[in-house]
């Protein structure tokens, strides 16, 4: 089961250490995200090069590791260790974490073009990121946003509709957005993989992974019982994400973009639980934001385990109340 987001003009992640600022003036973004502002420009404080800097395509440009690649059509292409992919921005309350599934309803022309590009040339990959409003001067008339919490995603299924398409996606791993490449007809940029630091105590990490998996399996069993009386699929988001996180992945991208099993499991715990209240959903969003910033797998595993144990207690209580009401 996955949540569904409908994108009209556009409505369906980079860590805070890597921020691209969006301000009023040349990148066209959706009105639903920018209120009255319909056009913006992008700058990135990480880079010396300006957005849309034009370079001579005939001259070689230096790339990562001292190697170089030629520039095509005046823009950088893919370097070793980099991916150049379509980018899809979302509001700040729609962070997507690795292992999480989501269903998008795409129907505006430019996002259908993005879909075609992903399916035909980008190996079913694109980047989901959050546009987060940031404070600006009281005298400024410009709307400013930060690009944060970027997650590489893979398209798992496409269902064509009379209007647009339903697109099922899966978060793979965190990435850092290092350069915007183009804005028309959709955003595209260059990203680097972002993974946790190598764990110092692998046996402790393995033990915590096993403990978290057992807790998630217990939560899944409670969720199924809680959902049994409702017209909902018995396949929970918890089980769906855990299965994906623990299987041997075969994805058409460099290994550096695929997190370790332990890292994937630590994110698989952060899923919507059946029957969640509004306040519980807000807490989940907060946990996702914090998890995307964590750099140590063990620390995230411990935090996720605590979060799951709390969900187990709450779901068990809801199940007990449901049983009483049915008597």
C-alpha atoms as a PDB file:
ATOM      1  CA  UNK A   1       0.000   0.000   0.000  1.00  0.00           C
ATOM      2  CA  UNK A   2       1.290   3.488  -0.718  1.00  0.00           C
ATOM      3  CA  UNK A   3       0.074   7.014  -0.281  1.00  0.00           C
ATOM      4  CA  UNK A   4      -1.169   8.829  -3.353  1.00  0.00           C
ATOM      5  CA  UNK A   5      -0.333  12.375  -4.307  1.00  0.00           C
ATOM      6  CA  UNK A   6      -2.087  14.264  -7.065  1.00  0.00           C
ATOM      7  CA  UNK A   7       0.060  16.701  -9.010  1.00  0.00           C
ATOM      8  CA  UNK A   8      -1.878  19.340 -10.889  1.00  0.00           C
ATOM      9  CA  UNK A   9       0.422  22.231 -11.528  1.00  0.00           C
ATOM     10  CA  UNK A  10       2.634  20.283  -9.161  1.00  0.00           C
ATOM     11  CA  UNK A  11       1.905  18.900  -5.772  1.00  0.00           C
ATOM     12  CA  UNK A  12       3.655  15.504  -4.722  1.00  0.00           C
ATOM     13  CA  UNK A  13      15.353  15.149  -0.360  1.00  0.00           C
ATOM     14  CA  UNK A  14      18.902  17.185   0.157  1.00  0.00           C
ATOM     15  CA  UNK A  15      20.300  17.297   3.710  1.00  0.00           C
ATOM     16  CA  UNK A  16      20.535  20.740   5.246  1.00  0.00           C
ATOM     17  CA  UNK A  17      24.279  20.783   4.622  1.00  0.00           C
ATOM     18  CA  UNK A  18      23.602  21.172   0.893  1.00  0.00           C
ATOM     19  CA  UNK A  19      21.172  23.939   0.009  1.00  0.00           C
ATOM     20  CA  UNK A  20      20.134  25.531  -3.235  1.00  0.00           C
ATOM     21  CA  UNK A  21      18.302  28.821  -2.782  1.00  0.00           C
ATOM     22  CA  UNK A  22      15.329  29.590  -4.998  1.00  0.00           C
ATOM     23  CA  UNK A  23      14.394  33.247  -5.475  1.00  0.00           C
ATOM     24  CA  UNK A  24      12.038  35.268  -7.655  1.00  0.00           C
ATOM     25  CA  UNK A  25      12.981  35.682 -11.353  1.00  0.00           C
ATOM     26  CA  UNK A  26      13.813  32.590 -14.341  1.00  0.00           C
ATOM     27  CA  UNK A  27      12.953  29.090 -13.151  1.00  0.00           C
ATOM     28  CA  UNK A  28       9.272  28.370 -13.705  1.00  0.00           C
ATOM     29  CA  UNK A  29       7.795  26.553 -10.719  1.00  0.00           C
ATOM     30  CA  UNK A  30       4.212  25.629  -9.809  1.00  0.00           C
ATOM     31  CA  UNK A  31       1.829  28.190  -8.363  1.00  0.00           C
ATOM     32  CA  UNK A  32       0.789  25.643  -5.747  1.00  0.00           C
ATOM     33  CA  UNK A  33       4.291  25.827  -4.274  1.00  0.00           C
ATOM     34  CA  UNK A  34       5.105  29.472  -4.845  1.00  0.00           C
ATOM     35  CA  UNK A  35       1.757  31.105  -4.036  1.00  0.00           C
ATOM     36  CA  UNK A  36       1.645  34.245  -6.150  1.00  0.00           C
ATOM     37  CA  UNK A  37       5.189  33.835  -7.405  1.00  0.00           C
ATOM     38  CA  UNK A  38       5.208  31.983 -10.719  1.00  0.00           C
ATOM     39  CA  UNK A  39       8.777  32.443 -11.907  1.00  0.00           C
ATOM     40  CA  UNK A  40      12.046  32.102 -10.001  1.00  0.00           C
ATOM     41  CA  UNK A  41      15.785  31.757 -10.488  1.00  0.00           C
ATOM     42  CA  UNK A  42      18.104  29.304  -8.771  1.00  0.00           C
ATOM     43  CA  UNK A  43      21.509  29.897  -7.250  1.00  0.00           C
ATOM     44  CA  UNK A  44      23.591  27.389  -5.331  1.00  0.00           C
ATOM     45  CA  UNK A  45      26.068  28.600  -2.704  1.00  0.00           C
ATOM     46  CA  UNK A  46      28.043  25.344  -2.971  1.00  0.00           C
ATOM     47  CA  UNK A  47      29.095  26.059  -6.526  1.00  0.00           C
ATOM     48  CA  UNK A  48      31.253  28.726  -8.116  1.00  0.00           C
ATOM     49  CA  UNK A  49      29.554  28.244 -11.468  1.00  0.00           C
ATOM     50  CA  UNK A  50      26.338  30.193 -11.948  1.00  0.00           C
ATOM     51  CA  UNK A  51      23.059  28.568 -12.900  1.00  0.00           C
ATOM     52  CA  UNK A  52      22.935  28.103 -16.682  1.00  0.00           C
ATOM     53  CA  UNK A  53      26.551  29.158 -17.148  1.00  0.00           C
ATOM     54  CA  UNK A  54      27.304  28.668 -20.824  1.00  0.00           C
ATOM     55  CA  UNK A  55      30.519  26.933 -21.780  1.00  0.00           C
ATOM     56  CA  UNK A  56      32.161  26.160 -25.108  1.00  0.00           C
ATOM     57  CA  UNK A  57      31.029  22.657 -26.032  1.00  0.00           C
ATOM     58  CA  UNK A  58      34.204  22.076 -27.999  1.00  0.00           C
ATOM     59  CA  UNK A  59      36.526  22.565 -25.033  1.00  0.00           C
ATOM     60  CA  UNK A  60      37.019  19.846 -22.435  1.00  0.00           C
ATOM     61  CA  UNK A  61      35.916  20.699 -18.885  1.00  0.00           C
ATOM     62  CA  UNK A  62      37.480  19.266 -15.767  1.00  0.00           C
ATOM     63  CA  UNK A  63      35.309  16.756 -13.922  1.00  0.00           C
ATOM     64  CA  UNK A  64      35.519  14.732 -10.730  1.00  0.00           C
ATOM     65  CA  UNK A  65      38.824  13.158  -9.794  1.00  0.00           C
ATOM     66  CA  UNK A  66      40.777  15.206 -12.310  1.00  0.00           C
ATOM     67  CA  UNK A  67      39.123  13.523 -15.286  1.00  0.00           C
ATOM     68  CA  UNK A  68      37.219  15.588 -17.788  1.00  0.00           C
ATOM     69  CA  UNK A  69      34.116  15.341 -19.870  1.00  0.00           C
ATOM     70  CA  UNK A  70      33.007  17.487 -22.763  1.00  0.00           C
ATOM     71  CA  UNK A  71      30.074  19.807 -22.325  1.00  0.00           C
ATOM     72  CA  UNK A  72      27.154  19.152 -24.652  1.00  0.00           C
ATOM     73  CA  UNK A  73      24.647  21.829 -25.642  1.00  0.00           C
ATOM     74  CA  UNK A  74      26.449  24.267 -23.363  1.00  0.00           C
ATOM     75  CA  UNK A  75      25.592  22.363 -20.161  1.00  0.00           C
ATOM     76  CA  UNK A  76      27.459  19.860 -18.020  1.00  0.00           C
ATOM     77  CA  UNK A  77      26.623  16.213 -18.612  1.00  0.00           C
ATOM     78  CA  UNK A  78      27.241  13.273 -16.299  1.00  0.00           C
ATOM     79  CA  UNK A  79      30.636  12.990 -14.594  1.00  0.00           C
ATOM     80  CA  UNK A  80      32.120   9.871 -13.061  1.00  0.00           C
ATOM     81  CA  UNK A  81      30.206   9.289  -9.818  1.00  0.00           C
ATOM     82  CA  UNK A  82      27.527  11.827 -10.760  1.00  0.00           C
ATOM     83  CA  UNK A  83      24.034  11.401 -12.167  1.00  0.00           C
ATOM     84  CA  UNK A  84      22.174  14.034 -14.157  1.00  0.00           C
ATOM     85  CA  UNK A  85      18.477  13.451 -13.591  1.00  0.00           C
ATOM     86  CA  UNK A  86      15.057  15.115 -13.700  1.00  0.00           C
ATOM     87  CA  UNK A  87      14.092  16.769 -10.417  1.00  0.00           C
ATOM     88  CA  UNK A  88      10.586  16.854  -8.975  1.00  0.00           C
ATOM     89  CA  UNK A  89       9.963  19.383  -6.149  1.00  0.00           C
ATOM     90  CA  UNK A  90       7.412  18.880  -3.367  1.00  0.00           C
ATOM     91  CA  UNK A  91       6.084  20.892  -0.413  1.00  0.00           C
ATOM     92  CA  UNK A  92       7.975  20.707   2.888  1.00  0.00           C
ATOM     93  CA  UNK A  93       5.445  18.297   4.440  1.00  0.00           C
ATOM     94  CA  UNK A  94       6.069  15.611   1.797  1.00  0.00           C
ATOM     95  CA  UNK A  95       9.563  14.334   2.532  1.00  0.00           C
ATOM     96  CA  UNK A  96      10.268  10.938   0.962  1.00  0.00           C
ATOM     97  CA  UNK A  97      12.753   8.596   2.672  1.00  0.00           C
ATOM     98  CA  UNK A  98      14.627   5.623   1.188  1.00  0.00           C
ATOM     99  CA  UNK A  99      12.499   2.435   1.001  1.00  0.00           C
ATOM    100  CA  UNK A 100       9.251   4.447   1.077  1.00  0.00           C
ATOM    101  CA  UNK A 101       6.665   3.974  -1.679  1.00  0.00           C
ATOM    102  CA  UNK A 102       4.404   6.687  -3.051  1.00  0.00           C
ATOM    103  CA  UNK A 103       1.899   6.959  -5.892  1.00  0.00           C
ATOM    104  CA  UNK A 104       1.809  10.168  -7.916  1.00  0.00           C
ATOM    105  CA  UNK A 105      -0.909  11.365 -10.267  1.00  0.00           C
ATOM    106  CA  UNK A 106       0.878  13.271 -13.023  1.00  0.00           C
ATOM    107  CA  UNK A 107      -1.180  15.059 -15.629  1.00  0.00           C
ATOM    108  CA  UNK A 108       0.385  18.408 -16.516  1.00  0.00           C
ATOM    109  CA  UNK A 109       2.260  18.338 -19.843  1.00  0.00           C
ATOM    110  CA  UNK A 110       5.706  19.154 -18.455  1.00  0.00           C
ATOM    111  CA  UNK A 111       5.522  16.406 -15.818  1.00  0.00           C
ATOM    112  CA  UNK A 112       4.371  13.901 -18.403  1.00  0.00           C
ATOM    113  CA  UNK A 113       7.451  14.927 -20.405  1.00  0.00           C
ATOM    114  CA  UNK A 114       9.525  14.313 -17.276  1.00  0.00           C
ATOM    115  CA  UNK A 115       7.965  10.858 -17.005  1.00  0.00           C
ATOM    116  CA  UNK A 116       8.763  10.074 -20.649  1.00  0.00           C
ATOM    117  CA  UNK A 117      12.370  11.215 -20.148  1.00  0.00           C
ATOM    118  CA  UNK A 118      12.753   8.963 -17.099  1.00  0.00           C
ATOM    119  CA  UNK A 119      11.310   5.927 -18.852  1.00  0.00           C
ATOM    120  CA  UNK A 120      13.173   6.363 -22.134  1.00  0.00           C
ATOM    121  CA  UNK A 121      16.588   7.765 -21.167  1.00  0.00           C
ATOM    122  CA  UNK A 122      17.066   7.911 -17.394  1.00  0.00           C
ATOM    123  CA  UNK A 123      16.664   4.247 -16.433  1.00  0.00           C
ATOM    124  CA  UNK A 124      13.376   4.979 -14.605  1.00  0.00           C
ATOM    125  CA  UNK A 125      15.209   7.247 -12.159  1.00  0.00           C
ATOM    126  CA  UNK A 126      14.580  10.805 -10.982  1.00  0.00           C
ATOM    127  CA  UNK A 127      15.077  12.866  -7.819  1.00  0.00           C
ATOM    128  CA  UNK A 128      12.360  13.754  -5.311  1.00  0.00           C
ATOM    129  CA  UNK A 129      13.223  16.806  -3.214  1.00  0.00           C
ATOM    130  CA  UNK A 130      11.566  19.295  -0.889  1.00  0.00           C
ATOM    131  CA  UNK A 131      11.210  23.014  -1.497  1.00  0.00           C
ATOM    132  CA  UNK A 132      11.389  24.482   1.988  1.00  0.00           C
ATOM    133  CA  UNK A 133      10.410  28.169   2.522  1.00  0.00           C
ATOM    134  CA  UNK A 134      13.221  30.145   4.164  1.00  0.00           C
ATOM    135  CA  UNK A 135      13.237  33.464   5.978  1.00  0.00           C
ATOM    136  CA  UNK A 136      13.830  36.538   3.846  1.00  0.00           C
ATOM    137  CA  UNK A 137      14.291  40.208   4.564  1.00  0.00           C
ATOM    138  CA  UNK A 138      11.142  42.112   5.498  1.00  0.00           C
ATOM    139  CA  UNK A 139      11.936  44.530   2.684  1.00  0.00           C
ATOM    140  CA  UNK A 140      12.274  41.792   0.071  1.00  0.00           C
ATOM    141  CA  UNK A 141       9.358  41.132  -2.270  1.00  0.00           C
ATOM    142  CA  UNK A 142      10.827  37.823  -3.433  1.00  0.00           C
ATOM    143  CA  UNK A 143       9.733  34.339  -2.385  1.00  0.00           C
ATOM    144  CA  UNK A 144      12.708  32.214  -1.301  1.00  0.00           C
ATOM    145  CA  UNK A 145      12.936  28.450  -0.917  1.00  0.00           C
ATOM    146  CA  UNK A 146      15.691  25.963  -0.079  1.00  0.00           C
ATOM    147  CA  UNK A 147      16.072  22.647  -1.887  1.00  0.00           C
ATOM    148  CA  UNK A 148      16.481  20.009   0.821  1.00  0.00           C
ATOM    149  CA  UNK A 149      16.148  16.297   1.559  1.00  0.00           C
ATOM    150  CA  UNK A 150      16.708  14.912  -1.919  1.00  0.00           C
ATOM    151  CA  UNK A 151      16.012  11.227  -2.516  1.00  0.00           C
ATOM    152  CA  UNK A 152      16.814   9.208  -5.620  1.00  0.00           C
ATOM    153  CA  UNK A 153      13.702   7.298  -6.682  1.00  0.00           C
ATOM    154  CA  UNK A 154      12.915   4.537  -9.139  1.00  0.00           C
ATOM    155  CA  UNK A 155       9.649   4.220 -11.064  1.00  0.00           C
ATOM    156  CA  UNK A 156       8.138   0.826 -10.240  1.00  0.00           C
ATOM    157  CA  UNK A 157       4.868   1.022 -12.148  1.00  0.00           C
ATOM    158  CA  UNK A 158       3.017   3.338 -14.529  1.00  0.00           C
ATOM    159  CA  UNK A 159      -0.730   3.177 -15.120  1.00  0.00           C
ATOM    160  CA  UNK A 160      -2.018   5.284 -17.997  1.00  0.00           C
ATOM    161  CA  UNK A 161      -5.255   7.155 -17.286  1.00  0.00           C
ATOM    162  CA  UNK A 162      -7.683   9.117 -19.436  1.00  0.00           C
ATOM    163  CA  UNK A 163      -6.034  12.185 -17.902  1.00  0.00           C
ATOM    164  CA  UNK A 164      -2.354  11.718 -17.136  1.00  0.00           C
ATOM    165  CA  UNK A 165      -0.863   8.694 -15.394  1.00  0.00           C
ATOM    166  CA  UNK A 166      -0.548   7.076 -11.977  1.00  0.00           C
ATOM    167  CA  UNK A 167       3.141   6.584 -11.215  1.00  0.00           C
ATOM    168  CA  UNK A 168       4.312   4.312  -8.393  1.00  0.00           C
ATOM    169  CA  UNK A 169       7.760   5.291  -7.119  1.00  0.00           C
ATOM    170  CA  UNK A 170      10.190   3.963  -4.507  1.00  0.00           C
ATOM    171  CA  UNK A 171      12.836   5.889  -2.606  1.00  0.00           C
ATOM    172  CA  UNK A 172      16.314   4.404  -3.081  1.00  0.00           C
ATOM    173  CA  UNK A 173      18.813   6.560  -1.252  1.00  0.00           C
ATOM    174  CA  UNK A 174      19.683  10.113  -0.287  1.00  0.00           C
ATOM    175  CA  UNK A 175      21.500  12.318  -2.761  1.00  0.00           C
ATOM    176  CA  UNK A 176      23.039  15.771  -2.735  1.00  0.00           C
ATOM    177  CA  UNK A 177      21.980  18.249  -5.389  1.00  0.00           C
ATOM    178  CA  UNK A 178      25.192  19.959  -6.558  1.00  0.00           C
ATOM    179  CA  UNK A 179      24.079  21.789  -9.690  1.00  0.00           C
ATOM    180  CA  UNK A 180      20.894  22.714 -11.517  1.00  0.00           C
ATOM    181  CA  UNK A 181      21.335  21.928 -15.209  1.00  0.00           C
ATOM    182  CA  UNK A 182      18.121  23.158 -16.792  1.00  0.00           C
ATOM    183  CA  UNK A 183      14.615  24.338 -15.974  1.00  0.00           C
ATOM    184  CA  UNK A 184      12.632  23.816 -19.175  1.00  0.00           C
ATOM    185  CA  UNK A 185      10.454  21.905 -19.763  1.00  0.00           C
ATOM    186  CA  UNK A 186      11.190  20.473 -16.307  1.00  0.00           C
ATOM    187  CA  UNK A 187      13.938  20.758 -13.715  1.00  0.00           C
ATOM    188  CA  UNK A 188      17.071  18.681 -14.184  1.00  0.00           C
ATOM    189  CA  UNK A 189      20.214  18.635 -12.090  1.00  0.00           C
ATOM    190  CA  UNK A 190      23.439  16.854 -11.170  1.00  0.00           C
ATOM    191  CA  UNK A 191      23.417  14.808  -7.972  1.00  0.00           C
ATOM    192  CA  UNK A 192      25.925  12.912  -5.862  1.00  0.00           C
ATOM    193  CA  UNK A 193      25.175   9.910  -3.635  1.00  0.00           C
ATOM    194  CA  UNK A 194      24.949  10.516   0.107  1.00  0.00           C
ATOM    195  CA  UNK A 195      25.335   7.571   2.483  1.00  0.00           C
ATOM    196  CA  UNK A 196      25.983   7.050   6.175  1.00  0.00           C
ATOM    197  CA  UNK A 197      29.498   6.938   7.542  1.00  0.00           C
ATOM    198  CA  UNK A 198      31.039   3.455   7.695  1.00  0.00           C
ATOM    199  CA  UNK A 199      29.968   1.903  11.052  1.00  0.00           C
ATOM    200  CA  UNK A 200      32.718   1.321  13.599  1.00  0.00           C
ATOM    201  CA  UNK A 201      31.009  -1.658  15.226  1.00  0.00           C
ATOM    202  CA  UNK A 202      29.472  -3.868  12.550  1.00  0.00           C
ATOM    203  CA  UNK A 203      28.341  -6.551  15.013  1.00  0.00           C
ATOM    204  CA  UNK A 204      26.395  -3.979  17.026  1.00  0.00           C
ATOM    205  CA  UNK A 205      24.805  -2.640  13.837  1.00  0.00           C
ATOM    206  CA  UNK A 206      23.844  -6.171  12.713  1.00  0.00           C
ATOM    207  CA  UNK A 207      22.305  -6.908  16.113  1.00  0.00           C
ATOM    208  CA  UNK A 208      20.284  -3.695  16.011  1.00  0.00           C
ATOM    209  CA  UNK A 209      19.109  -4.438  12.441  1.00  0.00           C
ATOM    210  CA  UNK A 210      17.798  -7.822  13.577  1.00  0.00           C
ATOM    211  CA  UNK A 211      16.042  -6.260  16.567  1.00  0.00           C
ATOM    212  CA  UNK A 212      14.427  -3.601  14.379  1.00  0.00           C
ATOM    213  CA  UNK A 213      13.282  -6.178  11.800  1.00  0.00           C
ATOM    214  CA  UNK A 214      11.604  -8.222  14.545  1.00  0.00           C
ATOM    215  CA  UNK A 215       9.883  -5.107  15.891  1.00  0.00           C
ATOM    216  CA  UNK A 216       8.650  -4.186  12.409  1.00  0.00           C
ATOM    217  CA  UNK A 217       7.309  -7.690  11.826  1.00  0.00           C
ATOM    218  CA  UNK A 218       5.437  -7.451  15.125  1.00  0.00           C
ATOM    219  CA  UNK A 219       4.022  -4.060  14.162  1.00  0.00           C
ATOM    220  CA  UNK A 220       2.936  -5.442  10.798  1.00  0.00           C
ATOM    221  CA  UNK A 221       1.016  -8.277  12.479  1.00  0.00           C
ATOM    222  CA  UNK A 222      -0.830  -5.790  14.688  1.00  0.00           C
ATOM    223  CA  UNK A 223      -1.593  -3.544  11.717  1.00  0.00           C
ATOM    224  CA  UNK A 224      -3.144  -6.427   9.775  1.00  0.00           C
ATOM    225  CA  UNK A 225      -5.404  -7.287  12.718  1.00  0.00           C
ATOM    226  CA  UNK A 226      -6.384  -3.638  13.099  1.00  0.00           C
ATOM    227  CA  UNK A 227      -7.209  -3.367   9.390  1.00  0.00           C
ATOM    228  CA  UNK A 228      -9.103  -6.666   9.210  1.00  0.00           C
ATOM    229  CA  UNK A 229     -12.477  -5.018   9.789  1.00  0.00           C
ATOM    230  CA  UNK A 230     -11.869  -2.304   7.192  1.00  0.00           C
ATOM    231  CA  UNK A 231     -11.968  -2.192   3.407  1.00  0.00           C
ATOM    232  CA  UNK A 232      -8.216  -1.733   3.123  1.00  0.00           C
ATOM    233  CA  UNK A 233      -5.477  -3.900   1.597  1.00  0.00           C
ATOM    234  CA  UNK A 234      -3.879  -6.289   4.068  1.00  0.00           C
ATOM    235  CA  UNK A 235      -0.481  -5.440   2.630  1.00  0.00           C
ATOM    236  CA  UNK A 236       0.834  -2.700   4.923  1.00  0.00           C
ATOM    237  CA  UNK A 237       3.360   0.005   4.138  1.00  0.00           C
ATOM    238  CA  UNK A 238       5.484  -1.383   6.965  1.00  0.00           C
ATOM    239  CA  UNK A 239       5.784  -4.827   5.341  1.00  0.00           C
ATOM    240  CA  UNK A 240       6.152  -3.357   1.864  1.00  0.00           C
ATOM    241  CA  UNK A 241       9.118  -1.173   2.824  1.00  0.00           C
ATOM    242  CA  UNK A 242      10.794  -3.810   4.979  1.00  0.00           C
ATOM    243  CA  UNK A 243      10.622  -6.377   2.169  1.00  0.00           C
ATOM    244  CA  UNK A 244      12.187  -3.911  -0.263  1.00  0.00           C
ATOM    245  CA  UNK A 245      14.895  -2.903   2.209  1.00  0.00           C
ATOM    246  CA  UNK A 246      15.990  -6.463   2.958  1.00  0.00           C
ATOM    247  CA  UNK A 247      15.975  -7.972  -0.520  1.00  0.00           C
ATOM    248  CA  UNK A 248      18.963  -8.040  -2.841  1.00  0.00           C
ATOM    249  CA  UNK A 249      18.528  -4.957  -4.978  1.00  0.00           C
ATOM    250  CA  UNK A 250      19.057  -4.952  -8.720  1.00  0.00           C
ATOM    251  CA  UNK A 251      18.909  -1.331  -9.847  1.00  0.00           C
ATOM    252  CA  UNK A 252      20.363   0.213 -12.989  1.00  0.00           C
ATOM    253  CA  UNK A 253      22.585   2.765 -11.267  1.00  0.00           C
ATOM    254  CA  UNK A 254      26.022   2.920  -9.669  1.00  0.00           C
ATOM    255  CA  UNK A 255      26.431   1.062  -6.370  1.00  0.00           C
ATOM    256  CA  UNK A 256      27.390   4.297  -4.610  1.00  0.00           C
ATOM    257  CA  UNK A 257      23.766   5.435  -4.930  1.00  0.00           C
ATOM    258  CA  UNK A 258      22.398   2.332  -3.159  1.00  0.00           C
ATOM    259  CA  UNK A 259      22.542   2.460   0.671  1.00  0.00           C
ATOM    260  CA  UNK A 260      23.680  -0.488   2.769  1.00  0.00           C
ATOM    261  CA  UNK A 261      21.102  -2.996   4.016  1.00  0.00           C
ATOM    262  CA  UNK A 262      21.379  -1.582   7.542  1.00  0.00           C
ATOM    263  CA  UNK A 263      20.770   1.964   6.314  1.00  0.00           C
ATOM    264  CA  UNK A 264      17.775   0.841   4.240  1.00  0.00           C
ATOM    265  CA  UNK A 265      16.213  -0.976   7.207  1.00  0.00           C
ATOM    266  CA  UNK A 266      16.717   2.065   9.436  1.00  0.00           C
ATOM    267  CA  UNK A 267      14.592   4.107   7.000  1.00  0.00           C
ATOM    268  CA  UNK A 268      12.034   1.308   6.440  1.00  0.00           C
ATOM    269  CA  UNK A 269      10.814   1.865  10.008  1.00  0.00           C
ATOM    270  CA  UNK A 270       9.562   5.354   9.108  1.00  0.00           C
ATOM    271  CA  UNK A 271       6.295   4.426   7.414  1.00  0.00           C
ATOM    272  CA  UNK A 272       2.688   5.436   7.838  1.00  0.00           C
ATOM    273  CA  UNK A 273       0.910   3.110  10.289  1.00  0.00           C
ATOM    274  CA  UNK A 274      -2.690   2.099   9.742  1.00  0.00           C
ATOM    275  CA  UNK A 275      -5.180   4.256  11.615  1.00  0.00           C
ATOM    276  CA  UNK A 276      -2.683   7.051  12.344  1.00  0.00           C
ATOM    277  CA  UNK A 277      -4.123  10.278  13.714  1.00  0.00           C
ATOM    278  CA  UNK A 278      -3.176  13.718  12.400  1.00  0.00           C
ATOM    279  CA  UNK A 279      -0.793  14.294  15.312  1.00  0.00           C
ATOM    280  CA  UNK A 280       0.830  10.892  14.698  1.00  0.00           C
ATOM    281  CA  UNK A 281       1.315  11.767  11.029  1.00  0.00           C
ATOM    282  CA  UNK A 282       2.974  15.041  12.018  1.00  0.00           C
ATOM    283  CA  UNK A 283       5.293  13.140  14.355  1.00  0.00           C
ATOM    284  CA  UNK A 284       6.185  10.759  11.521  1.00  0.00           C
ATOM    285  CA  UNK A 285       7.085  13.681   9.254  1.00  0.00           C
ATOM    286  CA  UNK A 286       9.316  15.089  11.977  1.00  0.00           C
ATOM    287  CA  UNK A 287      11.035  11.719  12.414  1.00  0.00           C
ATOM    288  CA  UNK A 288      11.640  11.525   8.655  1.00  0.00           C
ATOM    289  CA  UNK A 289      13.264  14.953   8.608  1.00  0.00           C
ATOM    290  CA  UNK A 290      15.580  14.047  11.474  1.00  0.00           C
ATOM    291  CA  UNK A 291      16.430  10.668   9.940  1.00  0.00           C
ATOM    292  CA  UNK A 292      17.427  12.281   6.629  1.00  0.00           C
ATOM    293  CA  UNK A 293      19.976  14.425   8.489  1.00  0.00           C
ATOM    294  CA  UNK A 294      21.528  11.587  10.533  1.00  0.00           C
ATOM    295  CA  UNK A 295      24.916  10.363   9.267  1.00  0.00           C
ATOM    296  CA  UNK A 296      25.435   7.304  11.525  1.00  0.00           C
ATOM    297  CA  UNK A 297      23.485   4.118  10.778  1.00  0.00           C
ATOM    298  CA  UNK A 298      23.558   2.875  14.367  1.00  0.00           C
ATOM    299  CA  UNK A 299      22.128   6.122  15.686  1.00  0.00           C
ATOM    300  CA  UNK A 300      19.253   6.011  13.170  1.00  0.00           C
ATOM    301  CA  UNK A 301      18.615   2.332  13.916  1.00  0.00           C
ATOM    302  CA  UNK A 302      18.288   3.127  17.624  1.00  0.00           C
ATOM    303  CA  UNK A 303      15.980   6.078  16.994  1.00  0.00           C
ATOM    304  CA  UNK A 304      13.874   4.082  14.540  1.00  0.00           C
ATOM    305  CA  UNK A 305      13.600   1.179  16.989  1.00  0.00           C
ATOM    306  CA  UNK A 306      12.296   3.515  19.672  1.00  0.00           C
ATOM    307  CA  UNK A 307       9.811   4.976  17.182  1.00  0.00           C
ATOM    308  CA  UNK A 308       8.577   1.508  16.128  1.00  0.00           C
ATOM    309  CA  UNK A 309       8.202   0.308  19.722  1.00  0.00           C
ATOM    310  CA  UNK A 310       6.041   3.343  20.412  1.00  0.00           C
ATOM    311  CA  UNK A 311       3.941   2.516  17.324  1.00  0.00           C
ATOM    312  CA  UNK A 312       3.593  -1.069  18.520  1.00  0.00           C
ATOM    313  CA  UNK A 313       2.222   0.143  21.853  1.00  0.00           C
ATOM    314  CA  UNK A 314      -0.215   2.574  20.229  1.00  0.00           C
ATOM    315  CA  UNK A 315      -1.422   0.037  17.648  1.00  0.00           C
ATOM    316  CA  UNK A 316      -1.926  -2.607  20.338  1.00  0.00           C
ATOM    317  CA  UNK A 317      -4.013  -0.123  22.338  1.00  0.00           C
ATOM    318  CA  UNK A 318      -6.120   0.739  19.267  1.00  0.00           C
ATOM    319  CA  UNK A 319      -6.602  -2.969  18.573  1.00  0.00           C
ATOM    320  CA  UNK A 320      -7.782  -3.529  22.157  1.00  0.00           C
ATOM    321  CA  UNK A 321     -10.299  -0.677  21.846  1.00  0.00           C
ATOM    322  CA  UNK A 322     -11.481  -2.052  18.494  1.00  0.00           C
ATOM    323  CA  UNK A 323     -12.014  -5.481  20.068  1.00  0.00           C
ATOM    324  CA  UNK A 324     -14.051  -3.979  22.908  1.00  0.00           C
ATOM    325  CA  UNK A 325     -16.237  -2.038  20.477  1.00  0.00           C
ATOM    326  CA  UNK A 326     -16.932  -5.204  18.463  1.00  0.00           C
ATOM    327  CA  UNK A 327     -18.162  -7.136  21.507  1.00  0.00           C
END
